[in-house]
Amino acid sequence: MKFSGTTVALLGVIVLAGIFAFYKVKTRVPFEEAKPAVRETAPLISLADLSGRMVSLSEFKGRVVLVNFWASWCPPCKAEMPGFQRVYDAFGDKGFAVLAIALDDVSPSLIRDMGITFPVMKASPRVTRDYGEVSDVPVSFLVGTEGTIIKKVKKTYSEDALKKDVENALKAGS
């Protein structure tokens, strides 16, 4: 049986793709263990909010901060925002802050319509890389008062879980 050059090339590409896929599956680190990990210092964030004001994670030293990656095209992301706002309203004056980092362009009118009052920023390649190549949203990192990550949540972070985690972190001063 004789194969054409195109067939051999196609088979080569298929074999290489299979090897690459196998390697990716075998070397994949579970989200919970991936960098940045719980108990590590949260990577720096310095981004402009939708009004153009620079917001840095370092401004919130001594506070518990929810760093949430989301996108306007993501229904679960938009669904969890009202819960974040309610927890922010309840604990904002007690030492809690939220930084919402959008992977896409979001309009100030969308944020107003959602009733969001905490800072919303557009992600940068550096920030998404530093937080583990964030591309699948929602993803949240709860940062303690000392600037270390105390919890990571892939997918939706429920209002009840966030409220409990914030209460515990504020009590512990973590």
N, C-alpha and C. Protein backbone atom coordinates (compact mmCIF):
# COMPACT_ATOMS: atom_id res chain seq x y z
N MET A 1 0.85 -1.17 0.00
CA MET A 1 0.00 0.00 0.00
C MET A 1 0.90 1.24 0.00
N LYS A 2 0.62 2.15 -0.89
CA LYS A 2 1.43 3.34 -1.04
C LYS A 2 0.62 4.56 -0.59
N PHE A 3 1.25 5.43 0.25
CA PHE A 3 0.59 6.63 0.76
C PHE A 3 1.16 7.85 0.08
N SER A 4 0.30 8.82 -0.18
CA SER A 4 0.75 10.07 -0.78
C SER A 4 1.45 10.91 0.29
N GLY A 5 2.20 11.87 -0.14
CA GLY A 5 2.89 12.78 0.78
C GLY A 5 1.92 13.53 1.68
N THR A 6 0.77 13.90 1.14
CA THR A 6 -0.25 14.61 1.92
C THR A 6 -0.79 13.72 3.03
N THR A 7 -1.02 12.45 2.72
CA THR A 7 -1.54 11.50 3.72
C THR A 7 -0.52 11.30 4.84
N VAL A 8 0.73 11.15 4.49
CA VAL A 8 1.79 10.96 5.49
C VAL A 8 1.89 12.21 6.37
N ALA A 9 1.83 13.38 5.77
CA ALA A 9 1.91 14.62 6.53
C ALA A 9 0.71 14.74 7.48
N LEU A 10 -0.47 14.41 6.99
CA LEU A 10 -1.67 14.47 7.82
C LEU A 10 -1.57 13.49 8.98
N LEU A 11 -1.10 12.28 8.72
CA LEU A 11 -0.92 11.30 9.80
C LEU A 11 0.10 11.80 10.82
N GLY A 12 1.15 12.43 10.36
CA GLY A 12 2.16 12.99 11.26
C GLY A 12 1.57 14.06 12.16
N VAL A 13 0.75 14.93 11.59
CA VAL A 13 0.10 15.98 12.37
C VAL A 13 -0.83 15.37 13.41
N ILE A 14 -1.57 14.35 13.03
CA ILE A 14 -2.50 13.70 13.95
C ILE A 14 -1.74 13.04 15.10
N VAL A 15 -0.65 12.37 14.80
CA VAL A 15 0.17 11.72 15.84
C VAL A 15 0.75 12.78 16.78
N LEU A 16 1.29 13.85 16.23
CA LEU A 16 1.85 14.91 17.08
C LEU A 16 0.78 15.56 17.95
N ALA A 17 -0.41 15.78 17.40
CA ALA A 17 -1.51 16.35 18.19
C ALA A 17 -1.89 15.40 19.32
N GLY A 18 -1.91 14.11 19.04
CA GLY A 18 -2.22 13.12 20.08
C GLY A 18 -1.18 13.11 21.18
N ILE A 19 0.08 13.18 20.82
CA ILE A 19 1.15 13.22 21.82
C ILE A 19 1.04 14.49 22.66
N PHE A 20 0.78 15.62 22.02
CA PHE A 20 0.64 16.89 22.74
C PHE A 20 -0.55 16.82 23.71
N ALA A 21 -1.68 16.29 23.26
CA ALA A 21 -2.87 16.19 24.11
C ALA A 21 -2.60 15.28 25.30
N PHE A 22 -1.94 14.16 25.06
CA PHE A 22 -1.59 13.24 26.14
C PHE A 22 -0.70 13.93 27.16
N TYR A 23 0.31 14.66 26.68
CA TYR A 23 1.22 15.39 27.57
C TYR A 23 0.46 16.41 28.41
N LYS A 24 -0.44 17.18 27.78
CA LYS A 24 -1.20 18.20 28.51
C LYS A 24 -2.06 17.57 29.61
N VAL A 25 -2.70 16.45 29.31
CA VAL A 25 -3.55 15.78 30.30
C VAL A 25 -2.70 15.23 31.44
N LYS A 26 -1.56 14.63 31.13
CA LYS A 26 -0.72 14.02 32.16
C LYS A 26 -0.03 15.05 33.04
N THR A 27 0.25 16.24 32.52
CA THR A 27 0.98 17.25 33.30
C THR A 27 0.07 18.33 33.87
N ARG A 28 -1.22 18.21 33.66
CA ARG A 28 -2.17 19.22 34.15
C ARG A 28 -2.18 19.23 35.67
N VAL A 29 -2.09 20.43 36.23
CA VAL A 29 -2.14 20.60 37.68
C VAL A 29 -3.56 20.97 38.05
N PRO A 30 -4.15 20.29 39.03
CA PRO A 30 -5.51 20.66 39.45
C PRO A 30 -5.56 22.12 39.90
N PHE A 31 -6.70 22.76 39.66
CA PHE A 31 -6.88 24.18 39.99
C PHE A 31 -6.46 24.48 41.42
N GLU A 32 -6.86 23.63 42.35
CA GLU A 32 -6.58 23.89 43.76
C GLU A 32 -5.08 23.92 44.05
N GLU A 33 -4.29 23.21 43.26
CA GLU A 33 -2.84 23.15 43.48
C GLU A 33 -2.06 24.10 42.58
N ALA A 34 -2.72 24.66 41.59
CA ALA A 34 -2.05 25.53 40.62
C ALA A 34 -1.64 26.85 41.27
N LYS A 35 -0.61 27.46 40.73
CA LYS A 35 -0.15 28.77 41.18
C LYS A 35 -1.09 29.84 40.66
N PRO A 36 -1.36 30.86 41.42
CA PRO A 36 -0.98 31.06 42.81
C PRO A 36 -1.82 30.17 43.72
N ALA A 37 -1.18 29.62 44.72
CA ALA A 37 -1.83 28.66 45.60
C ALA A 37 -2.29 29.33 46.89
N VAL A 38 -3.19 28.65 47.57
CA VAL A 38 -3.63 29.10 48.89
C VAL A 38 -2.39 29.18 49.79
N ARG A 39 -2.34 30.19 50.62
CA ARG A 39 -1.25 30.51 51.55
C ARG A 39 -0.07 31.20 50.87
N GLU A 40 -0.17 31.47 49.58
CA GLU A 40 0.86 32.24 48.89
C GLU A 40 0.42 33.70 48.81
N THR A 41 1.38 34.58 48.67
CA THR A 41 1.06 36.00 48.50
C THR A 41 0.33 36.19 47.18
N ALA A 42 -0.76 36.95 47.23
CA ALA A 42 -1.52 37.23 46.02
C ALA A 42 -0.67 38.06 45.06
N PRO A 43 -0.68 37.71 43.78
CA PRO A 43 0.07 38.51 42.80
C PRO A 43 -0.45 39.96 42.77
N LEU A 44 0.46 40.85 42.43
CA LEU A 44 0.12 42.27 42.37
C LEU A 44 -0.92 42.54 41.30
N ILE A 45 -1.76 43.48 41.58
CA ILE A 45 -2.76 43.95 40.62
C ILE A 45 -2.67 45.46 40.61
N SER A 46 -2.57 46.04 39.45
CA SER A 46 -2.65 47.47 39.29
C SER A 46 -3.28 47.72 37.91
N LEU A 47 -4.56 48.04 37.94
CA LEU A 47 -5.34 48.21 36.72
C LEU A 47 -6.23 49.44 36.84
N ALA A 48 -6.59 49.99 35.71
CA ALA A 48 -7.52 51.12 35.70
C ALA A 48 -8.95 50.59 35.80
N ASP A 49 -9.75 51.23 36.66
CA ASP A 49 -11.16 50.86 36.72
C ASP A 49 -11.88 51.52 35.54
N LEU A 50 -13.18 51.31 35.46
CA LEU A 50 -13.92 51.81 34.29
C LEU A 50 -13.94 53.33 34.19
N SER A 51 -13.66 54.02 35.30
CA SER A 51 -13.60 55.48 35.25
C SER A 51 -12.19 55.98 34.94
N GLY A 52 -11.23 55.06 34.83
CA GLY A 52 -9.85 55.44 34.53
C GLY A 52 -8.97 55.56 35.76
N ARG A 53 -9.52 55.41 36.94
CA ARG A 53 -8.75 55.50 38.19
C ARG A 53 -7.95 54.22 38.38
N MET A 54 -6.66 54.37 38.71
CA MET A 54 -5.82 53.20 38.96
C MET A 54 -6.19 52.58 40.30
N VAL A 55 -6.36 51.27 40.29
CA VAL A 55 -6.70 50.52 41.50
C VAL A 55 -5.63 49.45 41.66
N SER A 56 -5.04 49.38 42.85
CA SER A 56 -4.02 48.39 43.15
C SER A 56 -4.45 47.54 44.33
N LEU A 57 -4.15 46.26 44.25
CA LEU A 57 -4.46 45.37 45.36
C LEU A 57 -3.77 45.84 46.63
N SER A 58 -2.60 46.42 46.49
CA SER A 58 -1.84 46.88 47.67
C SER A 58 -2.58 47.97 48.45
N GLU A 59 -3.50 48.69 47.81
CA GLU A 59 -4.31 49.70 48.51
C GLU A 59 -5.18 49.08 49.60
N PHE A 60 -5.43 47.80 49.48
CA PHE A 60 -6.38 47.12 50.35
C PHE A 60 -5.70 46.29 51.44
N LYS A 61 -4.42 46.54 51.67
CA LYS A 61 -3.69 45.84 52.72
C LYS A 61 -4.44 46.03 54.03
N GLY A 62 -4.61 44.96 54.79
CA GLY A 62 -5.34 45.02 56.04
C GLY A 62 -6.82 44.73 55.87
N ARG A 63 -7.26 44.53 54.63
CA ARG A 63 -8.67 44.19 54.35
C ARG A 63 -8.73 42.79 53.73
N VAL A 64 -9.87 42.18 53.81
CA VAL A 64 -10.13 40.93 53.11
C VAL A 64 -10.65 41.34 51.73
N VAL A 65 -10.06 40.79 50.67
CA VAL A 65 -10.40 41.21 49.32
C VAL A 65 -10.79 40.01 48.46
N LEU A 66 -11.92 40.12 47.81
CA LEU A 66 -12.31 39.14 46.80
C LEU A 66 -11.81 39.64 45.45
N VAL A 67 -10.95 38.87 44.82
CA VAL A 67 -10.49 39.15 43.46
C VAL A 67 -11.25 38.18 42.57
N ASN A 68 -12.15 38.72 41.75
CA ASN A 68 -13.01 37.90 40.92
C ASN A 68 -12.74 38.18 39.45
N PHE A 69 -12.47 37.12 38.69
CA PHE A 69 -12.32 37.22 37.24
C PHE A 69 -13.64 36.80 36.62
N TRP A 70 -14.13 37.60 35.68
CA TRP A 70 -15.44 37.36 35.10
C TRP A 70 -15.47 37.93 33.69
N ALA A 71 -16.61 37.76 33.02
CA ALA A 71 -16.81 38.33 31.69
C ALA A 71 -18.29 38.64 31.52
N SER A 72 -18.59 39.66 30.74
CA SER A 72 -19.98 40.06 30.54
C SER A 72 -20.77 39.03 29.73
N TRP A 73 -20.08 38.19 28.96
CA TRP A 73 -20.74 37.16 28.15
C TRP A 73 -20.99 35.87 28.94
N CYS A 74 -20.61 35.86 30.22
CA CYS A 74 -20.66 34.65 31.05
C CYS A 74 -21.87 34.71 31.99
N PRO A 75 -22.95 33.96 31.71
CA PRO A 75 -24.13 34.00 32.58
C PRO A 75 -23.85 33.67 34.05
N PRO A 76 -23.04 32.64 34.38
CA PRO A 76 -22.77 32.40 35.81
C PRO A 76 -22.02 33.57 36.48
N CYS A 77 -21.16 34.22 35.71
CA CYS A 77 -20.42 35.38 36.24
C CYS A 77 -21.39 36.49 36.63
N LYS A 78 -22.29 36.80 35.72
CA LYS A 78 -23.26 37.86 35.98
C LYS A 78 -24.22 37.47 37.09
N ALA A 79 -24.53 36.19 37.20
CA ALA A 79 -25.46 35.72 38.23
C ALA A 79 -24.87 35.85 39.63
N GLU A 80 -23.54 35.70 39.77
CA GLU A 80 -22.95 35.78 41.11
C GLU A 80 -22.68 37.22 41.56
N MET A 81 -22.68 38.16 40.64
CA MET A 81 -22.37 39.55 40.99
C MET A 81 -23.33 40.16 42.03
N PRO A 82 -24.64 39.95 41.95
CA PRO A 82 -25.51 40.53 42.98
C PRO A 82 -25.18 40.02 44.39
N GLY A 83 -24.80 38.76 44.50
CA GLY A 83 -24.40 38.22 45.80
C GLY A 83 -23.12 38.87 46.30
N PHE A 84 -22.17 39.08 45.40
CA PHE A 84 -20.94 39.79 45.78
C PHE A 84 -21.28 41.19 46.29
N GLN A 85 -22.21 41.86 45.59
CA GLN A 85 -22.60 43.21 45.98
C GLN A 85 -23.24 43.20 47.37
N ARG A 86 -24.11 42.23 47.64
CA ARG A 86 -24.76 42.17 48.96
C ARG A 86 -23.74 41.92 50.07
N VAL A 87 -22.77 41.04 49.83
CA VAL A 87 -21.73 40.79 50.84
C VAL A 87 -20.86 42.04 51.00
N TYR A 88 -20.56 42.70 49.90
CA TYR A 88 -19.79 43.96 49.95
C TYR A 88 -20.56 45.02 50.75
N ASP A 89 -21.86 45.13 50.51
CA ASP A 89 -22.68 46.09 51.25
C ASP A 89 -22.68 45.78 52.74
N ALA A 90 -22.71 44.49 53.08
CA ALA A 90 -22.78 44.08 54.49
C ALA A 90 -21.45 44.22 55.22
N PHE A 91 -20.34 44.02 54.51
CA PHE A 91 -19.03 43.96 55.17
C PHE A 91 -18.02 45.00 54.68
N GLY A 92 -18.40 45.84 53.73
CA GLY A 92 -17.47 46.82 53.21
C GLY A 92 -16.91 47.75 54.26
N ASP A 93 -17.75 48.16 55.19
CA ASP A 93 -17.27 49.06 56.25
C ASP A 93 -16.61 48.31 57.39
N LYS A 94 -16.56 46.98 57.30
CA LYS A 94 -15.92 46.15 58.33
C LYS A 94 -14.56 45.61 57.87
N GLY A 95 -14.17 45.96 56.64
CA GLY A 95 -12.86 45.53 56.17
C GLY A 95 -12.87 44.58 54.98
N PHE A 96 -13.95 44.59 54.19
CA PHE A 96 -14.05 43.72 53.01
C PHE A 96 -14.12 44.56 51.74
N ALA A 97 -13.44 44.09 50.70
CA ALA A 97 -13.46 44.77 49.40
C ALA A 97 -13.59 43.73 48.29
N VAL A 98 -14.06 44.18 47.14
CA VAL A 98 -14.20 43.33 45.96
C VAL A 98 -13.50 44.03 44.80
N LEU A 99 -12.71 43.29 44.06
CA LEU A 99 -12.11 43.76 42.81
C LEU A 99 -12.59 42.83 41.71
N ALA A 100 -13.42 43.33 40.81
CA ALA A 100 -13.95 42.53 39.71
C ALA A 100 -13.11 42.82 38.47
N ILE A 101 -12.50 41.78 37.94
CA ILE A 101 -11.60 41.93 36.80
C ILE A 101 -12.23 41.23 35.60
N ALA A 102 -12.65 42.03 34.63
CA ALA A 102 -13.34 41.51 33.44
C ALA A 102 -12.35 41.10 32.37
N LEU A 103 -12.60 39.95 31.76
CA LEU A 103 -11.76 39.50 30.66
C LEU A 103 -12.12 40.20 29.36
N ASP A 104 -13.31 40.80 29.31
CA ASP A 104 -13.76 41.50 28.11
C ASP A 104 -14.03 42.96 28.44
N ASP A 105 -14.38 43.72 27.43
CA ASP A 105 -14.75 45.12 27.65
C ASP A 105 -16.16 45.16 28.20
N VAL A 106 -16.32 45.82 29.33
CA VAL A 106 -17.65 45.99 29.91
C VAL A 106 -17.96 47.48 29.96
N SER A 107 -19.20 47.79 29.73
CA SER A 107 -19.58 49.20 29.71
C SER A 107 -19.97 49.65 31.12
N PRO A 108 -19.70 50.90 31.43
CA PRO A 108 -20.15 51.44 32.72
C PRO A 108 -21.67 51.31 32.89
N SER A 109 -22.42 51.39 31.79
CA SER A 109 -23.88 51.28 31.91
C SER A 109 -24.28 49.87 32.36
N LEU A 110 -23.58 48.84 31.91
CA LEU A 110 -23.87 47.48 32.37
C LEU A 110 -23.62 47.37 33.87
N ILE A 111 -22.54 47.94 34.33
CA ILE A 111 -22.20 47.88 35.76
C ILE A 111 -23.26 48.64 36.57
N ARG A 112 -23.67 49.79 36.08
CA ARG A 112 -24.75 50.54 36.76
C ARG A 112 -26.04 49.73 36.79
N ASP A 113 -26.39 49.13 35.65
CA ASP A 113 -27.62 48.33 35.56
C ASP A 113 -27.57 47.14 36.50
N MET A 114 -26.38 46.59 36.73
CA MET A 114 -26.23 45.46 37.64
C MET A 114 -26.20 45.91 39.11
N GLY A 115 -26.08 47.22 39.33
CA GLY A 115 -26.04 47.74 40.70
C GLY A 115 -24.71 47.53 41.40
N ILE A 116 -23.65 47.40 40.63
CA ILE A 116 -22.32 47.14 41.18
C ILE A 116 -21.67 48.46 41.60
N THR A 117 -21.18 48.50 42.84
CA THR A 117 -20.52 49.71 43.34
C THR A 117 -19.04 49.50 43.65
N PHE A 118 -18.56 48.26 43.58
CA PHE A 118 -17.14 48.02 43.82
C PHE A 118 -16.36 48.18 42.52
N PRO A 119 -15.03 48.30 42.59
CA PRO A 119 -14.24 48.54 41.38
C PRO A 119 -14.33 47.40 40.36
N VAL A 120 -14.52 47.78 39.11
CA VAL A 120 -14.52 46.85 37.98
C VAL A 120 -13.42 47.31 37.03
N MET A 121 -12.55 46.38 36.66
CA MET A 121 -11.40 46.69 35.82
C MET A 121 -11.31 45.73 34.65
N LYS A 122 -10.63 46.12 33.62
CA LYS A 122 -10.36 45.24 32.47
C LYS A 122 -9.05 44.52 32.75
N ALA A 123 -9.06 43.21 32.58
CA ALA A 123 -7.87 42.40 32.82
C ALA A 123 -6.75 42.77 31.86
N SER A 124 -5.54 42.57 32.32
CA SER A 124 -4.37 42.71 31.46
C SER A 124 -3.76 41.32 31.28
N PRO A 125 -2.99 41.12 30.22
CA PRO A 125 -2.35 39.81 30.05
C PRO A 125 -1.48 39.42 31.25
N ARG A 126 -0.80 40.40 31.86
CA ARG A 126 0.06 40.10 33.00
C ARG A 126 -0.75 39.60 34.18
N VAL A 127 -1.86 40.26 34.48
CA VAL A 127 -2.67 39.86 35.63
C VAL A 127 -3.29 38.49 35.41
N THR A 128 -3.84 38.24 34.22
CA THR A 128 -4.43 36.92 33.98
C THR A 128 -3.35 35.84 34.04
N ARG A 129 -2.15 36.12 33.56
CA ARG A 129 -1.04 35.16 33.64
C ARG A 129 -0.65 34.92 35.10
N ASP A 130 -0.50 36.01 35.85
CA ASP A 130 -0.06 35.89 37.24
C ASP A 130 -1.06 35.13 38.11
N TYR A 131 -2.32 35.15 37.72
CA TYR A 131 -3.36 34.43 38.47
C TYR A 131 -3.67 33.07 37.84
N GLY A 132 -2.73 32.52 37.09
CA GLY A 132 -2.87 31.15 36.60
C GLY A 132 -3.43 31.03 35.20
N GLU A 133 -3.13 32.01 34.35
CA GLU A 133 -3.63 31.98 32.96
C GLU A 133 -5.16 31.91 32.93
N VAL A 134 -5.79 32.79 33.67
CA VAL A 134 -7.25 32.79 33.76
C VAL A 134 -7.86 33.00 32.37
N SER A 135 -8.71 32.07 31.97
CA SER A 135 -9.46 32.21 30.72
C SER A 135 -10.85 31.62 30.87
N ASP A 136 -11.00 30.68 31.77
CA ASP A 136 -12.28 30.03 32.02
C ASP A 136 -12.88 30.67 33.27
N VAL A 137 -13.93 31.43 33.12
CA VAL A 137 -14.50 32.20 34.22
C VAL A 137 -15.87 31.67 34.59
N PRO A 138 -16.34 31.95 35.80
CA PRO A 138 -15.74 32.78 36.83
C PRO A 138 -14.68 32.03 37.65
N VAL A 139 -13.71 32.81 38.13
CA VAL A 139 -12.66 32.33 39.03
C VAL A 139 -12.48 33.41 40.08
N SER A 140 -12.41 32.98 41.36
CA SER A 140 -12.27 33.93 42.45
C SER A 140 -11.13 33.53 43.38
N PHE A 141 -10.50 34.56 43.94
CA PHE A 141 -9.45 34.39 44.93
C PHE A 141 -9.82 35.26 46.12
N LEU A 142 -9.91 34.68 47.31
CA LEU A 142 -10.16 35.46 48.51
C LEU A 142 -8.81 35.71 49.15
N VAL A 143 -8.48 36.98 49.32
CA VAL A 143 -7.18 37.40 49.83
C VAL A 143 -7.37 37.92 51.24
N GLY A 144 -6.56 37.42 52.17
CA GLY A 144 -6.66 37.82 53.56
C GLY A 144 -6.00 39.15 53.85
N THR A 145 -6.12 39.58 55.08
CA THR A 145 -5.63 40.90 55.48
C THR A 145 -4.12 41.06 55.33
N GLU A 146 -3.39 39.96 55.32
CA GLU A 146 -1.93 40.02 55.16
C GLU A 146 -1.50 39.90 53.70
N GLY A 147 -2.47 39.82 52.79
CA GLY A 147 -2.14 39.77 51.37
C GLY A 147 -1.92 38.37 50.83
N THR A 148 -2.25 37.34 51.61
CA THR A 148 -2.11 35.98 51.11
C THR A 148 -3.46 35.43 50.68
N ILE A 149 -3.42 34.52 49.74
CA ILE A 149 -4.65 33.89 49.25
C ILE A 149 -5.13 32.91 50.30
N ILE A 150 -6.38 33.06 50.73
CA ILE A 150 -6.92 32.16 51.74
C ILE A 150 -7.94 31.19 51.15
N LYS A 151 -8.42 31.46 49.94
CA LYS A 151 -9.33 30.52 49.28
C LYS A 151 -9.34 30.80 47.79
N LYS A 152 -9.49 29.72 47.01
CA LYS A 152 -9.63 29.81 45.55
C LYS A 152 -10.94 29.12 45.19
N VAL A 153 -11.68 29.72 44.28
CA VAL A 153 -12.94 29.12 43.84
C VAL A 153 -12.99 29.15 42.32
N LYS A 154 -13.11 27.98 41.74
CA LYS A 154 -13.29 27.88 40.29
C LYS A 154 -14.77 27.67 40.06
N LYS A 155 -15.34 28.43 39.19
CA LYS A 155 -16.77 28.47 38.90
C LYS A 155 -17.45 29.37 39.92
N THR A 156 -18.73 29.23 40.11
CA THR A 156 -19.51 30.17 40.91
C THR A 156 -19.17 30.11 42.39
N TYR A 157 -19.00 31.29 42.99
CA TYR A 157 -18.76 31.45 44.43
C TYR A 157 -20.10 31.90 45.00
N SER A 158 -20.76 31.02 45.73
CA SER A 158 -22.10 31.35 46.23
C SER A 158 -22.05 32.47 47.26
N GLU A 159 -23.11 33.22 47.33
CA GLU A 159 -23.21 34.31 48.29
C GLU A 159 -23.06 33.79 49.72
N ASP A 160 -23.71 32.69 50.04
CA ASP A 160 -23.62 32.14 51.40
C ASP A 160 -22.20 31.73 51.75
N ALA A 161 -21.52 31.06 50.82
CA ALA A 161 -20.14 30.63 51.08
C ALA A 161 -19.23 31.85 51.23
N LEU A 162 -19.39 32.84 50.36
CA LEU A 162 -18.57 34.04 50.46
C LEU A 162 -18.81 34.75 51.79
N LYS A 163 -20.06 34.91 52.16
CA LYS A 163 -20.38 35.59 53.42
C LYS A 163 -19.71 34.88 54.59
N LYS A 164 -19.83 33.57 54.64
CA LYS A 164 -19.21 32.78 55.73
C LYS A 164 -17.69 32.94 55.71
N ASP A 165 -17.09 32.84 54.52
CA ASP A 165 -15.64 32.96 54.40
C ASP A 165 -15.16 34.35 54.82
N VAL A 166 -15.89 35.39 54.44
CA VAL A 166 -15.52 36.76 54.80
C VAL A 166 -15.64 36.95 56.31
N GLU A 167 -16.73 36.49 56.89
CA GLU A 167 -16.91 36.59 58.34
C GLU A 167 -15.75 35.93 59.07
N ASN A 168 -15.41 34.69 58.66
CA ASN A 168 -14.32 33.97 59.30
C ASN A 168 -12.97 34.68 59.12
N ALA A 169 -12.72 35.19 57.92
CA ALA A 169 -11.45 35.87 57.65
C ALA A 169 -11.35 37.16 58.45
N LEU A 170 -12.44 37.89 58.57
CA LEU A 170 -12.40 39.14 59.35
C LEU A 170 -12.21 38.85 60.83
N LYS A 171 -12.83 37.80 61.33
CA LYS A 171 -12.64 37.40 62.74
C LYS A 171 -11.21 37.00 63.01
N ALA A 172 -10.66 36.22 62.08
CA ALA A 172 -9.30 35.70 62.25
C ALA A 172 -8.24 36.75 61.96
N GLY A 173 -8.64 37.79 61.23
CA GLY A 173 -7.66 38.81 60.83
C GLY A 173 -6.62 38.23 59.89
N SER A 174 -7.06 37.21 59.10
CA SER A 174 -6.11 36.54 58.21
C SER A 174 -5.88 37.30 56.94
